[in-house]
Amino acid sequence: MAGFFTENFEWYSATEGNPRNGGRHFVAYHRAKLQAYFLERISHDERMYLLEIDVGYERARNLGHVAYNLLRTADDLTEYAAEAGGKGAIDCDSGRIEVWSMAQGPKPQPVGDLCPEEPVPPDIAIACARK
């Protein structure tokens, strides 16, 4: 999993519930900590399934900014809603993640809709360019 991130990623964070009331919060700013976390998550059979994604583009740093909703399951996440939401940034040169932050609330708590109910043509569409 750590191969999905840029060499100098800014951060990865995951919040489950409210940390002030027994929930958990994890954040990594260094690759070694991120790799250890992913090994732990694999041991809990964690899975993520993308539901929605909204993408924007920052030309100055060549980043794709994303907001997303996903389903996140694992054997130690049963007290939390399966739906999680968050934001991140993708380096358009490498196609790897620069920033990832997600949160998962208590049951039941569906995430908000990112996409409009009916497709609306955008004024402009921008995608990460590949060399």
N, C-alpha and C. Protein backbone atom coordinates (compact mmCIF):
# COMPACT_ATOMS: atom_id res chain seq x y z
N MET A 1 0.82 -1.21 0.00
CA MET A 1 0.00 0.00 0.00
C MET A 1 0.86 1.26 0.00
N ALA A 2 1.97 1.25 0.69
CA ALA A 2 2.78 2.46 0.76
C ALA A 2 3.28 2.89 -0.61
N GLY A 3 3.33 1.97 -1.57
CA GLY A 3 3.73 2.30 -2.93
C GLY A 3 2.73 3.20 -3.65
N PHE A 4 1.54 3.34 -3.08
CA PHE A 4 0.54 4.23 -3.66
C PHE A 4 0.79 5.69 -3.29
N PHE A 5 1.77 5.94 -2.42
CA PHE A 5 2.04 7.28 -1.92
C PHE A 5 3.34 7.82 -2.49
N THR A 6 3.40 9.15 -2.64
CA THR A 6 4.64 9.78 -3.10
C THR A 6 5.74 9.55 -2.07
N GLU A 7 6.98 9.64 -2.52
CA GLU A 7 8.11 9.42 -1.60
C GLU A 7 8.08 10.39 -0.42
N ASN A 8 7.68 11.63 -0.66
CA ASN A 8 7.64 12.65 0.39
C ASN A 8 6.21 13.10 0.65
N PHE A 9 5.30 12.12 0.82
CA PHE A 9 3.90 12.47 1.06
C PHE A 9 3.79 13.39 2.27
N GLU A 10 2.74 14.20 2.30
CA GLU A 10 2.58 15.14 3.41
C GLU A 10 1.99 14.47 4.65
N TRP A 11 0.87 13.76 4.49
CA TRP A 11 0.31 13.01 5.62
C TRP A 11 -0.76 12.05 5.16
N TYR A 12 -1.04 11.08 6.04
CA TYR A 12 -2.16 10.15 5.91
C TYR A 12 -2.84 10.16 7.26
N SER A 13 -4.16 10.33 7.28
CA SER A 13 -4.87 10.27 8.56
C SER A 13 -6.18 9.52 8.41
N ALA A 14 -6.54 8.83 9.48
CA ALA A 14 -7.81 8.10 9.55
C ALA A 14 -8.38 8.30 10.94
N THR A 15 -9.63 8.73 11.00
CA THR A 15 -10.32 8.94 12.28
C THR A 15 -11.55 8.05 12.30
N GLU A 16 -11.70 7.30 13.39
CA GLU A 16 -12.87 6.45 13.59
C GLU A 16 -13.60 6.94 14.82
N GLY A 17 -14.82 7.42 14.62
CA GLY A 17 -15.59 7.95 15.74
C GLY A 17 -14.98 9.24 16.26
N ASN A 18 -15.26 9.54 17.53
CA ASN A 18 -14.74 10.74 18.17
C ASN A 18 -13.62 10.33 19.13
N PRO A 19 -12.37 10.70 18.85
CA PRO A 19 -11.26 10.31 19.73
C PRO A 19 -11.43 10.77 21.18
N ARG A 20 -12.21 11.83 21.41
CA ARG A 20 -12.45 12.29 22.79
C ARG A 20 -13.38 11.36 23.56
N ASN A 21 -14.13 10.54 22.81
CA ASN A 21 -15.08 9.62 23.44
C ASN A 21 -14.77 8.17 23.11
N GLY A 22 -13.50 7.82 23.06
CA GLY A 22 -13.12 6.43 22.83
C GLY A 22 -12.84 6.07 21.38
N GLY A 23 -13.03 7.00 20.46
CA GLY A 23 -12.71 6.73 19.06
C GLY A 23 -11.20 6.75 18.85
N ARG A 24 -10.79 6.48 17.63
CA ARG A 24 -9.36 6.41 17.32
C ARG A 24 -8.99 7.44 16.25
N HIS A 25 -7.76 7.93 16.35
CA HIS A 25 -7.23 8.82 15.32
C HIS A 25 -5.79 8.40 15.05
N PHE A 26 -5.48 8.20 13.78
CA PHE A 26 -4.12 7.86 13.37
C PHE A 26 -3.65 8.89 12.36
N VAL A 27 -2.40 9.30 12.48
CA VAL A 27 -1.80 10.17 11.48
C VAL A 27 -0.34 9.77 11.29
N ALA A 28 0.10 9.76 10.03
CA ALA A 28 1.50 9.46 9.71
C ALA A 28 2.04 10.56 8.81
N TYR A 29 3.24 11.00 9.14
CA TYR A 29 3.96 11.97 8.31
C TYR A 29 5.21 11.35 7.71
N HIS A 30 5.51 10.10 8.11
CA HIS A 30 6.72 9.42 7.65
C HIS A 30 6.36 8.04 7.12
N ARG A 31 7.08 7.63 6.10
CA ARG A 31 6.81 6.39 5.39
C ARG A 31 6.86 5.15 6.30
N ALA A 32 7.82 5.06 7.20
CA ALA A 32 7.93 3.88 8.07
C ALA A 32 6.68 3.71 8.94
N LYS A 33 6.17 4.79 9.48
CA LYS A 33 4.96 4.72 10.30
C LYS A 33 3.76 4.32 9.45
N LEU A 34 3.69 4.84 8.23
CA LEU A 34 2.59 4.51 7.32
C LEU A 34 2.63 3.02 6.96
N GLN A 35 3.80 2.50 6.65
CA GLN A 35 3.93 1.08 6.30
C GLN A 35 3.53 0.19 7.47
N ALA A 36 3.93 0.54 8.68
CA ALA A 36 3.55 -0.25 9.86
C ALA A 36 2.03 -0.23 10.05
N TYR A 37 1.42 0.93 9.84
CA TYR A 37 -0.03 1.06 9.97
C TYR A 37 -0.74 0.18 8.95
N PHE A 38 -0.28 0.21 7.70
CA PHE A 38 -0.92 -0.61 6.67
C PHE A 38 -0.78 -2.10 6.98
N LEU A 39 0.35 -2.52 7.51
CA LEU A 39 0.50 -3.93 7.90
C LEU A 39 -0.51 -4.30 8.98
N GLU A 40 -0.72 -3.40 9.94
CA GLU A 40 -1.73 -3.64 10.97
C GLU A 40 -3.13 -3.71 10.36
N ARG A 41 -3.44 -2.80 9.45
CA ARG A 41 -4.78 -2.78 8.84
C ARG A 41 -5.02 -4.04 8.01
N ILE A 42 -3.99 -4.54 7.34
CA ILE A 42 -4.11 -5.79 6.59
C ILE A 42 -4.44 -6.93 7.53
N SER A 43 -3.84 -6.93 8.73
CA SER A 43 -4.11 -8.00 9.70
C SER A 43 -5.56 -7.97 10.18
N HIS A 44 -6.23 -6.83 10.02
CA HIS A 44 -7.66 -6.71 10.39
C HIS A 44 -8.56 -6.86 9.16
N ASP A 45 -7.98 -7.30 8.05
CA ASP A 45 -8.73 -7.54 6.81
C ASP A 45 -9.47 -6.29 6.33
N GLU A 46 -8.81 -5.14 6.43
CA GLU A 46 -9.44 -3.89 6.00
C GLU A 46 -9.63 -3.86 4.49
N ARG A 47 -10.80 -3.34 4.08
CA ARG A 47 -11.14 -3.15 2.68
C ARG A 47 -11.77 -1.78 2.50
N MET A 48 -11.48 -1.14 1.36
CA MET A 48 -12.11 0.13 1.01
C MET A 48 -12.70 0.01 -0.38
N TYR A 49 -13.93 0.52 -0.53
CA TYR A 49 -14.64 0.48 -1.81
C TYR A 49 -15.11 1.90 -2.12
N LEU A 50 -14.60 2.47 -3.20
CA LEU A 50 -14.93 3.84 -3.58
C LEU A 50 -16.38 3.93 -4.03
N LEU A 51 -17.12 4.90 -3.47
CA LEU A 51 -18.50 5.16 -3.86
C LEU A 51 -18.62 6.38 -4.76
N GLU A 52 -17.97 7.47 -4.37
CA GLU A 52 -18.03 8.73 -5.11
C GLU A 52 -16.70 9.44 -5.01
N ILE A 53 -16.39 10.20 -6.05
CA ILE A 53 -15.19 11.03 -6.00
C ILE A 53 -15.45 12.32 -6.77
N ASP A 54 -14.98 13.41 -6.21
CA ASP A 54 -15.07 14.73 -6.83
C ASP A 54 -13.63 15.22 -6.98
N VAL A 55 -13.24 15.61 -8.18
CA VAL A 55 -11.84 15.93 -8.46
C VAL A 55 -11.71 17.36 -8.96
N GLY A 56 -10.73 18.07 -8.41
CA GLY A 56 -10.36 19.40 -8.87
C GLY A 56 -8.87 19.39 -9.21
N TYR A 57 -8.37 20.48 -9.75
CA TYR A 57 -6.98 20.53 -10.19
C TYR A 57 -6.32 21.81 -9.73
N GLU A 58 -5.10 21.67 -9.21
CA GLU A 58 -4.28 22.82 -8.82
C GLU A 58 -3.07 22.87 -9.75
N ARG A 59 -3.10 23.80 -10.67
CA ARG A 59 -2.05 23.89 -11.69
C ARG A 59 -0.68 24.21 -11.08
N ALA A 60 -0.62 25.09 -10.10
CA ALA A 60 0.67 25.54 -9.54
C ALA A 60 1.52 24.37 -9.03
N ARG A 61 0.90 23.40 -8.38
CA ARG A 61 1.65 22.25 -7.84
C ARG A 61 1.34 20.96 -8.60
N ASN A 62 0.55 21.05 -9.67
CA ASN A 62 0.18 19.90 -10.49
C ASN A 62 -0.43 18.78 -9.63
N LEU A 63 -1.41 19.20 -8.81
CA LEU A 63 -2.09 18.25 -7.92
C LEU A 63 -3.56 18.12 -8.30
N GLY A 64 -4.05 16.92 -8.21
CA GLY A 64 -5.49 16.67 -8.29
C GLY A 64 -6.03 16.62 -6.88
N HIS A 65 -6.93 17.52 -6.54
CA HIS A 65 -7.54 17.53 -5.21
C HIS A 65 -8.83 16.72 -5.28
N VAL A 66 -9.01 15.82 -4.32
CA VAL A 66 -10.17 14.93 -4.34
C VAL A 66 -10.95 15.02 -3.04
N ALA A 67 -12.25 14.86 -3.16
CA ALA A 67 -13.13 14.59 -2.02
C ALA A 67 -13.79 13.27 -2.38
N TYR A 68 -13.98 12.40 -1.40
CA TYR A 68 -14.47 11.06 -1.72
C TYR A 68 -15.37 10.53 -0.61
N ASN A 69 -16.21 9.60 -1.01
CA ASN A 69 -17.00 8.79 -0.09
C ASN A 69 -16.69 7.34 -0.43
N LEU A 70 -16.52 6.54 0.60
CA LEU A 70 -16.20 5.13 0.38
C LEU A 70 -16.81 4.27 1.47
N LEU A 71 -16.81 2.97 1.22
CA LEU A 71 -17.16 2.00 2.25
C LEU A 71 -15.85 1.46 2.79
N ARG A 72 -15.72 1.41 4.10
CA ARG A 72 -14.49 0.94 4.74
C ARG A 72 -14.88 -0.10 5.77
N THR A 73 -14.38 -1.30 5.61
CA THR A 73 -14.71 -2.39 6.53
C THR A 73 -13.43 -3.04 7.05
N ALA A 74 -13.52 -3.58 8.26
CA ALA A 74 -12.44 -4.35 8.88
C ALA A 74 -13.03 -5.02 10.11
N ASP A 75 -12.36 -6.06 10.60
CA ASP A 75 -12.91 -6.78 11.75
C ASP A 75 -12.91 -5.96 13.04
N ASP A 76 -12.16 -4.87 13.09
CA ASP A 76 -12.15 -4.02 14.29
C ASP A 76 -12.90 -2.70 14.08
N LEU A 77 -13.65 -2.58 13.00
CA LEU A 77 -14.41 -1.36 12.73
C LEU A 77 -15.91 -1.58 12.84
N THR A 78 -16.35 -2.65 13.45
CA THR A 78 -17.77 -3.01 13.46
C THR A 78 -18.64 -2.02 14.21
N GLU A 79 -18.10 -1.27 15.16
CA GLU A 79 -18.92 -0.30 15.89
C GLU A 79 -19.11 1.01 15.13
N TYR A 80 -18.44 1.15 14.01
CA TYR A 80 -18.53 2.37 13.21
C TYR A 80 -19.35 2.12 11.96
N ALA A 81 -19.92 3.19 11.42
CA ALA A 81 -20.64 3.09 10.15
C ALA A 81 -19.65 2.66 9.07
N ALA A 82 -20.12 1.89 8.10
CA ALA A 82 -19.24 1.45 7.02
C ALA A 82 -18.86 2.61 6.10
N GLU A 83 -19.70 3.64 6.07
CA GLU A 83 -19.44 4.78 5.20
C GLU A 83 -18.38 5.70 5.81
N ALA A 84 -17.43 6.09 4.99
CA ALA A 84 -16.39 7.03 5.41
C ALA A 84 -16.27 8.09 4.31
N GLY A 85 -15.78 9.25 4.69
CA GLY A 85 -15.58 10.31 3.72
C GLY A 85 -14.28 11.03 4.00
N GLY A 86 -13.79 11.73 3.01
CA GLY A 86 -12.55 12.44 3.24
C GLY A 86 -12.11 13.26 2.05
N LYS A 87 -10.83 13.64 2.12
CA LYS A 87 -10.24 14.47 1.07
C LYS A 87 -8.79 14.05 0.90
N GLY A 88 -8.21 14.48 -0.20
CA GLY A 88 -6.82 14.14 -0.44
C GLY A 88 -6.28 14.92 -1.62
N ALA A 89 -5.04 14.63 -1.95
CA ALA A 89 -4.38 15.24 -3.10
C ALA A 89 -3.54 14.17 -3.79
N ILE A 90 -3.59 14.18 -5.11
CA ILE A 90 -2.85 13.23 -5.93
C ILE A 90 -1.82 13.99 -6.75
N ASP A 91 -0.58 13.53 -6.72
CA ASP A 91 0.47 14.12 -7.55
C ASP A 91 0.23 13.67 -9.00
N CYS A 92 -0.01 14.62 -9.89
CA CYS A 92 -0.37 14.27 -11.26
C CYS A 92 0.82 13.75 -12.07
N ASP A 93 2.05 14.05 -11.67
CA ASP A 93 3.21 13.51 -12.39
C ASP A 93 3.38 12.02 -12.12
N SER A 94 3.25 11.62 -10.86
CA SER A 94 3.49 10.22 -10.49
C SER A 94 2.20 9.40 -10.40
N GLY A 95 1.05 10.08 -10.25
CA GLY A 95 -0.21 9.37 -10.05
C GLY A 95 -0.33 8.80 -8.65
N ARG A 96 0.49 9.28 -7.73
CA ARG A 96 0.49 8.77 -6.35
C ARG A 96 -0.12 9.77 -5.38
N ILE A 97 -0.51 9.27 -4.23
CA ILE A 97 -1.19 10.07 -3.21
C ILE A 97 -0.18 10.94 -2.46
N GLU A 98 -0.50 12.21 -2.31
CA GLU A 98 0.32 13.17 -1.55
C GLU A 98 -0.28 13.39 -0.16
N VAL A 99 -1.61 13.46 -0.09
CA VAL A 99 -2.34 13.69 1.16
C VAL A 99 -3.57 12.80 1.16
N TRP A 100 -3.89 12.21 2.32
CA TRP A 100 -5.11 11.41 2.47
C TRP A 100 -5.62 11.60 3.88
N SER A 101 -6.85 12.07 4.01
CA SER A 101 -7.51 12.22 5.32
C SER A 101 -8.91 11.67 5.19
N MET A 102 -9.29 10.78 6.11
CA MET A 102 -10.65 10.25 6.08
C MET A 102 -11.19 10.10 7.49
N ALA A 103 -12.51 10.13 7.57
CA ALA A 103 -13.19 10.01 8.86
C ALA A 103 -14.39 9.08 8.70
N GLN A 104 -14.64 8.36 9.77
CA GLN A 104 -15.72 7.38 9.81
C GLN A 104 -16.46 7.60 11.12
N GLY A 105 -17.76 7.82 11.03
CA GLY A 105 -18.54 8.12 12.22
C GLY A 105 -19.18 6.90 12.85
N PRO A 106 -19.91 7.12 13.94
CA PRO A 106 -20.62 6.02 14.59
C PRO A 106 -21.80 5.58 13.73
N LYS A 107 -22.29 4.38 14.00
CA LYS A 107 -23.47 3.87 13.28
C LYS A 107 -24.71 4.60 13.74
N PRO A 108 -25.75 4.76 12.94
CA PRO A 108 -25.65 4.88 11.49
C PRO A 108 -25.37 6.33 11.15
N GLN A 109 -24.51 6.57 10.22
CA GLN A 109 -24.19 7.93 9.80
C GLN A 109 -23.73 7.91 8.36
N PRO A 110 -24.67 8.03 7.41
CA PRO A 110 -24.25 8.03 6.01
C PRO A 110 -23.46 9.29 5.68
N VAL A 111 -22.59 9.17 4.73
CA VAL A 111 -21.82 10.32 4.27
C VAL A 111 -22.68 11.15 3.34
N GLY A 112 -22.31 12.40 3.13
CA GLY A 112 -23.05 13.28 2.24
C GLY A 112 -22.81 12.93 0.78
N ASP A 113 -23.68 13.43 -0.08
CA ASP A 113 -23.53 13.21 -1.51
C ASP A 113 -22.55 14.22 -2.09
N LEU A 114 -21.59 13.74 -2.84
CA LEU A 114 -20.65 14.61 -3.54
C LEU A 114 -21.14 14.94 -4.93
N CYS A 115 -21.81 13.99 -5.54
CA CYS A 115 -22.23 14.14 -6.93
C CYS A 115 -23.67 14.61 -7.02
N PRO A 116 -23.98 15.44 -8.01
CA PRO A 116 -25.37 15.88 -8.18
C PRO A 116 -26.24 14.69 -8.59
N GLU A 117 -27.54 14.81 -8.30
CA GLU A 117 -28.45 13.72 -8.64
C GLU A 117 -28.53 13.51 -10.15
N GLU A 118 -28.59 14.60 -10.91
CA GLU A 118 -28.62 14.51 -12.36
C GLU A 118 -27.32 15.08 -12.91
N PRO A 119 -26.72 14.42 -13.89
CA PRO A 119 -25.47 14.94 -14.45
C PRO A 119 -25.65 16.34 -15.03
N VAL A 120 -24.73 17.22 -14.70
CA VAL A 120 -24.74 18.59 -15.22
C VAL A 120 -23.40 18.81 -15.90
N PRO A 121 -23.40 19.20 -17.18
CA PRO A 121 -22.12 19.41 -17.86
C PRO A 121 -21.32 20.51 -17.16
N PRO A 122 -20.05 20.24 -16.87
CA PRO A 122 -19.23 21.28 -16.23
C PRO A 122 -18.83 22.35 -17.23
N ASP A 123 -18.48 23.52 -16.70
CA ASP A 123 -17.99 24.60 -17.55
C ASP A 123 -16.64 24.23 -18.14
N ILE A 124 -15.87 23.48 -17.36
CA ILE A 124 -14.54 23.07 -17.81
C ILE A 124 -14.20 21.75 -17.13
N ALA A 125 -13.54 20.89 -17.84
CA ALA A 125 -13.11 19.60 -17.29
C ALA A 125 -11.59 19.55 -17.35
N ILE A 126 -10.97 19.24 -16.24
CA ILE A 126 -9.51 19.16 -16.18
C ILE A 126 -9.15 17.81 -15.58
N ALA A 127 -8.18 17.15 -16.17
CA ALA A 127 -7.69 15.88 -15.65
C ALA A 127 -6.18 15.96 -15.54
N CYS A 128 -5.60 15.11 -14.73
CA CYS A 128 -4.15 15.06 -14.63
C CYS A 128 -3.57 14.61 -15.97
N ALA A 129 -2.59 15.34 -16.44
CA ALA A 129 -1.95 15.00 -17.71
C ALA A 129 -0.86 13.96 -17.47
N ARG A 130 -0.72 13.04 -18.37
CA ARG A 130 0.33 12.01 -18.30
C ARG A 130 1.37 12.30 -19.38
N LYS A 131 2.61 12.06 -19.03
CA LYS A 131 3.71 12.27 -20.00
C LYS A 131 3.88 11.04 -20.85
